[in-house]
Amino acid sequence: MKRFLPALTGLLLVAAAVGSLSVGVTHIDGFWRELFHPGHNEILWQIRFPRVVAALLVGGALAVAGLMAQGACNNALAEPSIVGTSAGASLATVIAILFGVVQVGSLGAIAFGVLGALLATALTFRLASLRSGLSSFALIIVGIAVTAILSAVVGISTSMVTRADARSISFWNFGSLSLITNSNLLGILATTAIGIAIAFRIAPSLDRLSLGDATAFNLGINVSRVRIGALIALSIAAGGAVSTVGTIAFLGLAAPHIARFIYGPAHRFLVIQSAIIGALVLVLADTAARTIAQPNELPIGLVTSLIGAPILIALVAMRNTTWKTQ
């Protein structure tokens, strides 16, 4: 039965994506006919299509980013929103937008987001290792503190701005796919592909790193190099996603744990399956966010928490050994 689970997950993802394309405030007559004639229906192909594709890419990127954070920290609680990555990407993007350097979703915004994510993540790891070797406990505590500081700066900056688009910036910062257009997809695709490629490359080394730094070193692993690679993958994937759609918390934590519960601890397989599960969860969450309170739209981060938190609680209640190497 377990051998069919990857195919089943893939089918669920396709079904969720098609279902998301079919629902919305405006009913599309002859949906299936329009689906097989790209470009004919503006609502379907200019509004819903880029949004669903972005949900697939961002969901996969955040899930893999969470997997890399957990692997690099060897801590089940690590994720982009915990180690400062998301807050750093958000702050760098907001500053660039407010100074008129870039626009939301542009390639320039993505570049600033990735840079901010890299700097914030590096700062978290540097501060966590000041007094002694890197400790998982210290990393989480420092990450929470760095995230709080950077998030506060973002909140203060957006609150003080009187520009006409300040409301849009604030809504984006809470997580939203409503500003996505077809022109935004190339940048997200690039950062997601690069992040996943690096993650897949270093995945076998993360299996050994999960045994502890000393054991991994004795097995011939360059611990610092592997950890830096994981942090680069994490920052590129999460930075590109956050700079385009804002902060979507919890997804990077829940998706890797769900994948571990189903498929086990091998990171190379987890990279792909975490990406699929993350994409599935975000597509479902975005569909709910734009349909539950029509014509209003809910911040997608709230919906991902409502979907992901009960699943994670159920998994912990059913089995508490998913983090252990088997």
Protein backbone atom coordinates (compact mmCIF):
# COMPACT_ATOMS: atom_id res chain seq x y z
CA MET A 1 0.00 0.00 0.00
CA LYS A 2 2.79 2.41 0.92
CA ARG A 3 4.30 2.20 -2.54
CA PHE A 4 1.17 3.80 -4.01
CA LEU A 5 1.17 6.77 -1.64
CA PRO A 6 3.44 9.02 -3.78
CA ALA A 7 1.17 8.51 -6.79
CA LEU A 8 -1.92 9.13 -4.64
CA THR A 9 -0.44 12.35 -3.27
CA GLY A 10 0.36 13.50 -6.79
CA LEU A 11 -3.19 12.80 -7.94
CA LEU A 12 -4.58 14.71 -4.97
CA LEU A 13 -2.36 17.65 -5.89
CA VAL A 14 -3.62 17.69 -9.48
CA ALA A 15 -7.24 17.40 -8.32
CA ALA A 16 -6.77 20.24 -5.81
CA ALA A 17 -5.19 22.48 -8.46
CA VAL A 18 -7.98 21.86 -10.98
CA GLY A 19 -10.60 22.32 -8.29
CA SER A 20 -9.02 25.62 -7.27
CA LEU A 21 -9.13 26.82 -10.87
CA SER A 22 -12.83 26.02 -11.08
CA VAL A 23 -14.06 27.96 -8.03
CA GLY A 24 -14.16 31.65 -7.22
CA VAL A 25 -16.35 34.71 -6.92
CA THR A 26 -17.11 34.61 -10.65
CA HIS A 27 -18.58 31.44 -12.13
CA ILE A 28 -16.91 30.30 -15.36
CA ASP A 29 -19.37 28.84 -17.86
CA GLY A 30 -17.98 25.83 -19.69
CA PHE A 31 -15.03 25.49 -17.36
CA TRP A 32 -13.70 22.27 -18.86
CA ARG A 33 -13.90 23.70 -22.38
CA GLU A 34 -12.02 26.83 -21.30
CA LEU A 35 -9.44 24.76 -19.41
CA PHE A 36 -8.31 23.08 -22.62
CA HIS A 37 -8.21 26.35 -24.56
CA PRO A 38 -5.45 28.37 -22.85
CA GLY A 39 -5.82 32.13 -22.96
CA HIS A 40 -9.46 32.29 -24.08
CA ASN A 41 -10.95 33.14 -20.66
CA GLU A 42 -9.31 36.10 -18.93
CA ILE A 43 -10.54 35.24 -15.40
CA LEU A 44 -9.26 31.69 -15.67
CA TRP A 45 -5.90 32.35 -17.33
CA GLN A 46 -4.97 35.85 -16.11
CA ILE A 47 -6.22 35.67 -12.52
CA ARG A 48 -6.78 32.12 -11.27
CA PHE A 49 -4.08 30.29 -13.23
CA PRO A 50 -1.09 32.36 -12.02
CA ARG A 51 -2.48 32.25 -8.49
CA VAL A 52 -2.76 28.45 -8.44
CA VAL A 53 0.68 28.00 -10.01
CA ALA A 54 2.13 30.39 -7.43
CA ALA A 55 0.47 28.38 -4.65
CA LEU A 56 2.09 25.21 -6.01
CA LEU A 57 5.54 26.81 -6.21
CA VAL A 58 5.40 28.71 -2.92
CA GLY A 59 3.96 25.73 -1.04
CA GLY A 60 6.73 23.49 -2.34
CA ALA A 61 9.40 26.11 -1.64
CA LEU A 62 8.32 26.73 1.96
CA ALA A 63 8.02 23.00 2.67
CA VAL A 64 11.55 22.31 1.41
CA ALA A 65 12.81 25.38 3.28
CA GLY A 66 11.31 23.95 6.46
CA LEU A 67 12.91 20.58 5.79
CA MET A 68 16.32 22.25 5.32
CA ALA A 69 15.87 24.28 8.51
CA GLN A 70 15.06 21.14 10.49
CA GLY A 71 17.92 19.22 8.91
CA ALA A 72 20.50 21.97 9.41
CA CYS A 73 19.46 22.60 13.02
CA ASN A 74 18.73 18.94 13.78
CA ASN A 75 15.65 20.29 15.52
CA ALA A 76 12.04 19.32 14.91
CA LEU A 77 10.80 22.85 15.70
CA ALA A 78 12.89 24.68 13.12
CA GLU A 79 11.25 26.37 10.14
CA PRO A 80 11.77 29.61 8.15
CA SER A 81 9.53 31.62 10.48
CA ILE A 82 11.43 30.40 13.55
CA VAL A 83 15.07 30.89 12.48
CA GLY A 84 14.55 34.45 11.20
CA THR A 85 14.59 33.62 7.48
CA SER A 86 11.05 34.75 6.65
CA ALA A 87 11.31 37.92 8.73
CA GLY A 88 14.61 38.83 7.08
CA ALA A 89 13.17 38.33 3.60
CA SER A 90 10.09 40.35 4.54
CA LEU A 91 12.09 43.24 5.99
CA ALA A 92 14.46 43.51 3.03
CA THR A 93 11.56 43.41 0.58
CA VAL A 94 9.48 45.97 2.48
CA ILE A 95 12.42 48.39 2.71
CA ALA A 96 13.09 48.07 -1.02
CA ILE A 97 9.39 48.60 -1.82
CA LEU A 98 8.98 51.58 0.49
CA PHE A 99 12.03 53.29 -1.00
CA GLY A 100 10.60 52.75 -4.47
CA VAL A 101 13.44 50.50 -5.61
CA VAL A 102 11.23 47.55 -6.52
CA GLN A 103 7.58 46.50 -6.76
CA VAL A 104 5.87 43.59 -5.04
CA GLY A 105 6.52 40.36 -6.93
CA SER A 106 9.19 41.77 -9.25
CA LEU A 107 12.53 40.10 -9.86
CA GLY A 108 14.18 42.91 -7.91
CA ALA A 109 11.93 42.24 -4.92
CA ILE A 110 12.83 38.55 -5.07
CA ALA A 111 16.54 39.41 -5.14
CA PHE A 112 16.15 41.64 -2.07
CA GLY A 113 14.09 38.95 -0.35
CA VAL A 114 16.71 36.26 -0.93
CA LEU A 115 19.48 38.60 0.28
CA GLY A 116 17.52 39.52 3.40
CA ALA A 117 16.77 35.85 4.10
CA LEU A 118 20.45 34.92 3.79
CA LEU A 119 21.60 37.74 6.09
CA ALA A 120 18.94 37.07 8.74
CA THR A 121 19.58 33.32 8.76
CA ALA A 122 23.34 33.84 8.97
CA LEU A 123 22.81 36.32 11.83
CA THR A 124 20.66 33.81 13.74
CA PHE A 125 23.23 31.04 13.42
CA ARG A 126 26.09 33.38 14.26
CA LEU A 127 24.43 34.66 17.42
CA ALA A 128 23.38 31.15 18.47
CA SER A 129 26.99 29.94 18.32
CA LEU A 130 28.71 32.88 20.02
CA ARG A 131 29.33 31.34 23.45
CA SER A 132 29.97 27.75 22.38
CA GLY A 133 29.20 25.28 19.64
CA LEU A 134 25.87 25.49 17.84
CA SER A 135 23.07 24.36 20.16
CA SER A 136 19.58 23.48 18.89
CA PHE A 137 18.01 25.08 21.96
CA ALA A 138 20.04 28.30 21.58
CA LEU A 139 19.26 28.39 17.85
CA ILE A 140 15.51 28.29 18.41
CA ILE A 141 15.61 30.90 21.18
CA VAL A 142 17.82 33.26 19.16
CA GLY A 143 15.75 32.63 16.04
CA ILE A 144 12.55 33.60 17.85
CA ALA A 145 14.23 36.76 19.14
CA VAL A 146 15.63 37.74 15.72
CA THR A 147 12.25 37.06 14.10
CA ALA A 148 10.47 39.20 16.71
CA ILE A 149 12.84 42.13 16.20
CA LEU A 150 12.73 42.04 12.40
CA SER A 151 8.94 41.53 12.34
CA ALA A 152 8.50 44.50 14.68
CA VAL A 153 10.59 46.68 12.36
CA VAL A 154 8.45 45.55 9.41
CA GLY A 155 5.24 46.32 11.31
CA ILE A 156 6.43 49.74 12.42
CA SER A 157 7.63 50.61 8.91
CA THR A 158 4.35 49.71 7.23
CA SER A 159 2.28 51.40 9.95
CA MET A 160 4.10 54.72 9.63
CA VAL A 161 3.87 54.90 5.86
CA THR A 162 1.15 57.13 4.42
CA ARG A 163 1.52 56.02 0.81
CA ALA A 164 -1.60 54.96 -1.07
CA ASP A 165 -0.32 51.40 -1.49
CA ALA A 166 0.53 50.95 2.22
CA ARG A 167 -2.61 48.87 2.75
CA SER A 168 -1.59 46.53 -0.08
CA ILE A 169 1.88 46.17 1.43
CA SER A 170 0.40 45.34 4.85
CA PHE A 171 -1.99 42.77 3.36
CA TRP A 172 0.87 41.21 1.37
CA ASN A 173 2.99 40.99 4.50
CA PHE A 174 0.36 38.84 6.24
CA GLY A 175 0.47 36.40 3.34
CA SER A 176 -1.58 36.75 0.19
CA LEU A 177 -1.56 35.40 -3.36
CA SER A 178 -3.97 38.08 -4.58
CA LEU A 179 -1.24 40.22 -6.18
CA ILE A 180 0.20 37.39 -8.29
CA THR A 181 0.28 37.78 -12.06
CA ASN A 182 1.76 35.64 -14.83
CA SER A 183 4.81 37.94 -14.91
CA ASN A 184 5.60 37.06 -11.26
CA LEU A 185 5.85 33.33 -11.86
CA LEU A 186 9.29 33.23 -13.48
CA GLY A 187 11.08 34.58 -10.42
CA ILE A 188 9.31 32.21 -8.00
CA LEU A 189 9.98 29.29 -10.33
CA ALA A 190 13.69 30.14 -10.43
CA THR A 191 14.18 30.44 -6.66
CA THR A 192 12.06 27.36 -5.96
CA ALA A 193 13.96 25.26 -8.51
CA ILE A 194 17.37 26.41 -7.24
CA GLY A 195 16.42 25.84 -3.61
CA ILE A 196 15.05 22.35 -4.27
CA ALA A 197 18.06 21.43 -6.43
CA ILE A 198 20.51 22.37 -3.66
CA ALA A 199 18.37 20.57 -1.09
CA PHE A 200 18.27 17.41 -3.19
CA ARG A 201 22.03 17.54 -3.66
CA ILE A 202 22.87 17.70 0.05
CA ALA A 203 20.01 15.46 1.24
CA PRO A 204 22.13 12.31 1.84
CA SER A 205 24.52 14.30 4.02
CA LEU A 206 21.60 15.56 6.11
CA ASP A 207 20.72 11.93 6.86
CA ARG A 208 24.10 11.57 8.54
CA LEU A 209 23.90 14.98 10.17
CA SER A 210 20.70 13.85 11.92
CA LEU A 211 22.88 11.39 13.88
CA GLY A 212 24.71 14.31 15.49
CA ASP A 213 27.64 16.49 14.46
CA ALA A 214 30.29 14.22 15.98
CA THR A 215 28.93 11.06 14.35
CA ALA A 216 28.50 12.80 11.00
CA PHE A 217 32.10 14.06 11.17
CA ASN A 218 33.36 10.56 11.90
CA LEU A 219 31.41 9.32 8.87
CA GLY A 220 33.34 11.73 6.66
CA ILE A 221 30.83 14.57 6.46
CA ASN A 222 32.01 18.17 6.40
CA VAL A 223 29.43 19.36 8.92
CA SER A 224 29.93 23.10 8.39
CA ARG A 225 29.76 22.77 4.61
CA VAL A 226 26.56 20.72 4.72
CA ARG A 227 24.94 23.11 7.18
CA ILE A 228 25.87 26.13 5.06
CA GLY A 229 24.45 24.39 1.97
CA ALA A 230 21.19 23.72 3.80
CA LEU A 231 20.99 27.34 4.93
CA ILE A 232 21.59 28.59 1.39
CA ALA A 233 18.83 26.31 0.06
CA LEU A 234 16.55 27.44 2.88
CA SER A 235 17.21 31.12 2.25
CA ILE A 236 16.80 30.98 -1.53
CA ALA A 237 13.57 28.97 -1.40
CA ALA A 238 11.98 30.88 1.47
CA GLY A 239 13.33 34.28 0.42
CA GLY A 240 11.87 34.00 -3.07
CA ALA A 241 8.51 32.85 -1.71
CA VAL A 242 8.20 35.47 1.06
CA SER A 243 9.27 38.36 -1.16
CA THR A 244 6.46 37.51 -3.56
CA VAL A 245 3.51 36.47 -1.38
CA GLY A 246 4.48 37.59 2.13
CA THR A 247 4.91 35.52 5.27
CA ILE A 248 2.98 32.25 5.39
CA ALA A 249 3.75 30.74 8.76
CA PHE A 250 3.48 27.11 9.87
CA LEU A 251 3.59 25.50 6.43
CA GLY A 252 7.35 25.01 6.60
CA LEU A 253 6.94 23.29 9.96
CA ALA A 254 3.95 21.06 9.19
CA ALA A 255 4.69 19.78 5.67
CA PRO A 256 8.06 18.09 6.44
CA HIS A 257 6.59 16.41 9.52
CA ILE A 258 3.64 15.09 7.55
CA ALA A 259 6.06 13.75 4.93
CA ARG A 260 8.24 12.14 7.61
CA PHE A 261 5.23 10.45 9.15
CA ILE A 262 4.21 8.94 5.82
CA TYR A 263 7.55 8.21 4.15
CA GLY A 264 10.21 7.99 6.86
CA PRO A 265 13.38 10.00 7.55
CA ALA A 266 15.41 9.72 4.29
CA HIS A 267 15.98 13.33 3.21
CA ARG A 268 16.39 12.78 -0.53
CA PHE A 269 12.89 11.30 -0.76
CA LEU A 270 11.58 13.85 1.73
CA VAL A 271 12.68 16.77 -0.44
CA ILE A 272 10.27 15.74 -3.20
CA GLN A 273 7.44 14.56 -0.98
CA SER A 274 7.62 17.57 1.34
CA ALA A 275 7.38 19.84 -1.71
CA ILE A 276 4.31 17.97 -2.97
CA ILE A 277 2.60 18.02 0.42
CA GLY A 278 3.44 21.70 0.94
CA ALA A 279 2.03 22.55 -2.49
CA LEU A 280 -1.13 20.55 -1.76
CA VAL A 281 -1.71 22.25 1.60
CA LEU A 282 -1.17 25.75 0.19
CA VAL A 283 -3.47 25.19 -2.80
CA LEU A 284 -6.22 23.99 -0.44
CA ALA A 285 -5.57 26.88 1.95
CA ASP A 286 -5.64 29.49 -0.82
CA THR A 287 -8.86 28.04 -2.25
CA ALA A 288 -10.44 28.28 1.19
CA ALA A 289 -9.07 31.78 1.79
CA ARG A 290 -10.75 33.21 -1.29
CA THR A 291 -14.04 31.29 -1.12
CA ILE A 292 -15.06 31.03 2.56
CA ALA A 293 -15.80 34.73 3.08
CA GLN A 294 -16.69 35.84 -0.46
CA PRO A 295 -16.30 38.52 -1.70
CA ASN A 296 -13.71 39.19 1.01
CA GLU A 297 -10.44 37.31 1.17
CA LEU A 298 -8.82 35.89 4.30
CA PRO A 299 -5.07 36.13 4.97
CA ILE A 300 -3.74 32.80 3.79
CA GLY A 301 -1.43 32.39 6.77
CA LEU A 302 -4.45 32.06 9.04
CA VAL A 303 -5.88 29.30 6.89
CA THR A 304 -2.61 27.35 6.67
CA SER A 305 -2.45 27.39 10.46
CA LEU A 306 -6.02 26.11 10.73
CA ILE A 307 -5.27 23.31 8.27
CA GLY A 308 -1.77 22.40 9.36
CA ALA A 309 -1.99 22.66 13.16
CA PRO A 310 -4.66 19.96 13.68
CA ILE A 311 -2.83 17.64 11.29
CA LEU A 312 0.44 18.11 13.16
CA ILE A 313 -1.25 17.57 16.53
CA ALA A 314 -2.86 14.38 15.23
CA LEU A 315 0.46 13.09 13.94
CA VAL A 316 2.18 13.72 17.27
CA ALA A 317 -0.68 12.00 19.09
CA MET A 318 -0.51 8.99 16.79
CA ARG A 319 3.25 8.63 16.62
CA ASN A 320 5.96 10.62 18.36
CA THR A 321 9.03 9.01 16.74
CA THR A 322 8.88 10.53 13.28
CA TRP A 323 11.97 12.62 13.97
CA LYS A 324 14.13 9.65 14.90
CA THR A 325 16.34 7.96 12.34
CA GLN A 326 14.96 4.51 11.60
